[in-house]
Structure formats: C-alpha cells, structure tokens
Protein backbone atom coordinates (compact mmCIF):
# COMPACT_ATOMS: atom_id res chain seq x y z
CA VAL A 1 177.00 187.48 168.75
CA VAL A 2 175.47 188.75 171.79
CA ASP A 3 172.01 191.16 171.46
CA ARG A 4 172.40 194.27 173.55
CA SER A 5 169.51 196.26 172.03
CA GLY A 6 166.95 198.50 173.66
CA SER A 7 164.39 195.84 173.75
CA ILE A 8 166.71 193.28 175.70
CA GLY A 9 166.07 196.01 178.54
CA THR A 10 168.45 195.95 181.66
CA GLU A 11 166.71 193.25 183.62
CA ASN A 12 167.01 190.71 181.12
CA TRP A 13 170.58 191.91 180.50
CA GLN A 14 171.77 190.15 183.52
CA GLN A 15 169.94 187.00 182.15
CA VAL A 16 171.96 187.06 178.89
CA VAL A 17 175.27 187.68 181.33
CA LYS A 18 173.97 184.61 183.36
CA TYR A 19 173.75 182.75 180.50
CA MET A 20 177.29 183.90 178.82
CA LYS A 21 178.87 183.18 182.08
CA ASP A 22 176.79 179.71 182.05
CA ARG A 23 178.16 179.01 178.28
CA VAL A 24 181.53 179.35 179.30
CA GLY A 25 181.42 176.75 181.83
CA ARG A 26 179.70 174.06 179.51
CA ILE A 27 182.80 174.08 177.74
CA ASP A 28 185.59 172.17 178.12
CA PHE A 29 188.74 174.08 177.35
CA THR A 30 191.78 171.94 177.09
CA GLY A 31 194.49 174.53 176.55
CA ALA A 32 195.94 176.48 172.64
CA SER A 33 194.91 173.77 170.54
CA GLY A 34 191.35 173.06 172.02
CA ASN A 35 188.50 174.82 171.99
CA ARG A 36 188.58 178.41 171.83
CA LEU A 37 185.53 181.10 172.50
CA GLY A 38 185.60 184.88 171.82
CA ILE A 39 182.04 187.48 171.98
CA VAL A 40 180.86 189.81 169.73
CA VAL A 41 178.00 192.54 171.18
CA TYR A 42 176.04 194.53 169.23
CA SER A 43 172.97 196.99 168.80
CA THR A 44 173.23 199.74 166.41
CA PHE A 45 176.85 198.86 166.23
CA SER A 46 178.69 195.81 166.89
CA SER A 47 182.48 194.77 168.67
CA VAL A 48 184.53 192.14 169.44
CA ALA A 49 183.88 192.39 173.71
CA CYS A 50 186.20 189.36 174.17
CA ALA A 51 188.35 187.99 171.57
CA LEU A 52 188.63 184.33 170.80
CA GLN A 53 190.40 182.59 174.06
CA HIS A 54 190.98 179.67 175.45
CA ASN A 55 190.89 180.85 178.99
CA ALA A 56 187.78 180.62 181.50
CA ALA A 57 188.77 182.79 184.13
CA ASP A 58 189.46 185.76 181.19
CA LEU A 59 186.43 184.90 179.28
CA LEU A 60 184.41 185.22 183.00
CA ARG A 61 185.99 188.58 183.65
CA CYS A 62 185.83 189.64 180.19
CA ILE A 63 181.80 188.96 180.16
CA ASP A 64 182.08 190.97 184.16
CA GLY A 65 182.96 193.93 181.97
CA ILE A 66 180.32 194.19 179.17
CA GLU A 67 178.01 196.73 179.70
CA TYR A 68 174.68 196.91 178.55
CA THR A 69 174.35 199.48 175.80
CA GLY A 70 170.49 199.46 174.39
CA GLY A 71 170.16 200.91 170.94
CA TRP A 72 169.20 199.39 167.19
CA THR A 73 169.38 195.75 166.28
CA ASN A 74 172.31 195.16 164.01
CA THR A 75 172.51 191.70 164.19
CA ALA A 76 173.90 191.41 160.15
CA GLN A 77 177.18 193.90 161.84
CA GLY A 78 177.29 191.17 164.73
CA ILE A 79 177.25 188.08 162.86
CA GLN A 80 179.90 189.70 160.09
CA ASP A 81 182.24 190.82 162.93
CA ALA A 82 182.07 187.01 164.31
CA GLY A 83 182.64 185.20 160.73
CA THR A 84 185.81 188.12 160.58
CA GLN A 85 187.11 186.79 164.04
CA LEU A 86 186.88 183.26 163.01
CA ASP A 87 188.50 183.75 159.29
CA GLN A 88 191.63 185.99 161.09
CA TYR A 89 192.12 183.97 164.53
CA SER A 90 190.58 180.02 163.34
CA SER A 91 191.91 177.49 160.95
CA SER A 92 189.63 176.31 159.16
CA SER A 93 190.13 172.94 159.60
CA ARG A 94 188.60 173.38 163.26
CA THR A 95 185.00 173.03 163.46
CA ARG A 96 183.73 177.03 163.48
CA LEU A 97 180.12 177.74 165.17
CA ILE A 98 178.57 181.14 165.87
CA GLU A 99 175.90 180.84 168.35
CA VAL A 100 173.32 184.27 168.20
CA ILE A 101 172.01 185.21 171.10
CA THR A 102 168.94 187.70 170.68
CA ASP A 103 165.14 188.34 171.44
CA GLY A 104 163.94 189.95 168.07
CA ARG A 105 164.07 190.73 164.71
CA ALA A 106 167.04 192.69 163.56
CA GLN A 107 166.13 196.75 162.72
CA LEU A 108 168.02 199.85 162.41
CA TRP A 109 164.70 202.36 162.23
CA ASN A 110 160.71 201.49 162.67
CA GLY A 111 159.71 199.26 160.12
CA ASP A 112 163.35 198.97 158.65
CA PRO A 113 162.61 195.36 156.29
CA TRP A 114 166.57 195.65 155.04
CA THR A 115 168.48 194.94 158.21
CA THR A 116 166.58 191.22 158.70
CA GLN A 117 167.66 191.05 155.05
CA GLN A 118 170.83 191.78 155.50
CA THR A 119 170.85 189.39 159.16
CA ARG A 120 169.42 186.10 157.14
CA GLN A 121 172.38 187.18 154.02
CA ARG A 122 175.36 187.34 156.63
CA ALA A 123 174.08 183.98 158.28
CA ALA A 124 174.05 182.19 155.16
CA GLU A 125 177.45 183.10 153.95
CA GLN A 126 178.88 182.14 157.30
CA GLN A 127 177.15 179.19 156.99
CA GLU A 128 178.47 178.40 153.35
CA LYS A 129 182.54 178.90 154.95
CA GLY A 130 181.26 176.18 157.79
C-alpha cells in the first residue's frame, strides 16, 4: 500500500519507486503456488496499480507505469483495498501481509481527525483477519 499523496513530492516519489523495485527483488518468486505481490496506491483515492502476481518482471514493468498524483492521504482506503484484494485472490491458508509505505498522517483535509481513526481501524481489522 503505497502513498503517492502531495506530501511525498516528485523527488521523494523516485525514492518510493526505487524502494518498490528493490522490494520486488528481495522476494523469492517460485511460481503460482509461491509468493505473490500486489501494489495498491493511494492519495485522495486508492486503486490497485499492480494485481497480485508472482512474476517479478511483470511487477517491475507495472511499477514503471505507476504515476505520482499528489492529493490528500487516504491511507484507510488503501489498506481496505489491499485487504479486499487479499480476501478475493489469496487463500486464508497463506501468510498474508500488508506493508504500508507512507510519509505521514492520514488526512483528507487540513485538521482531519477522522481519517487517522479510520486508518487505525482498517489496520486493526486486517490484522485480525491475519
């Protein structure tokens, strides 16, 4: 779950892209029954940028196509969308993990207390599903 909100900035976005590519390189992909990785991006809204898959080359190409958007920081929706992807496309018998990459507090407007609370709630719900 990758933050591409306005506070990241275009310069730091390049570091985020490098991290995502390095992360793909650290995973041992052994085929369809092995490890898989997907990427959900978010700012004001979230979306699945790269569906769960087990092909490193395809993931790297997908990452190259992800654009920096700016916007607010709707971390809760990113976590929720990632959880939905795991629920739909990953067996509960697998170890399921959501990694969140962000630079700060979730908010949809200045002084927004609600989005941070929603983010904590979505993270707790996914942890319970485990």
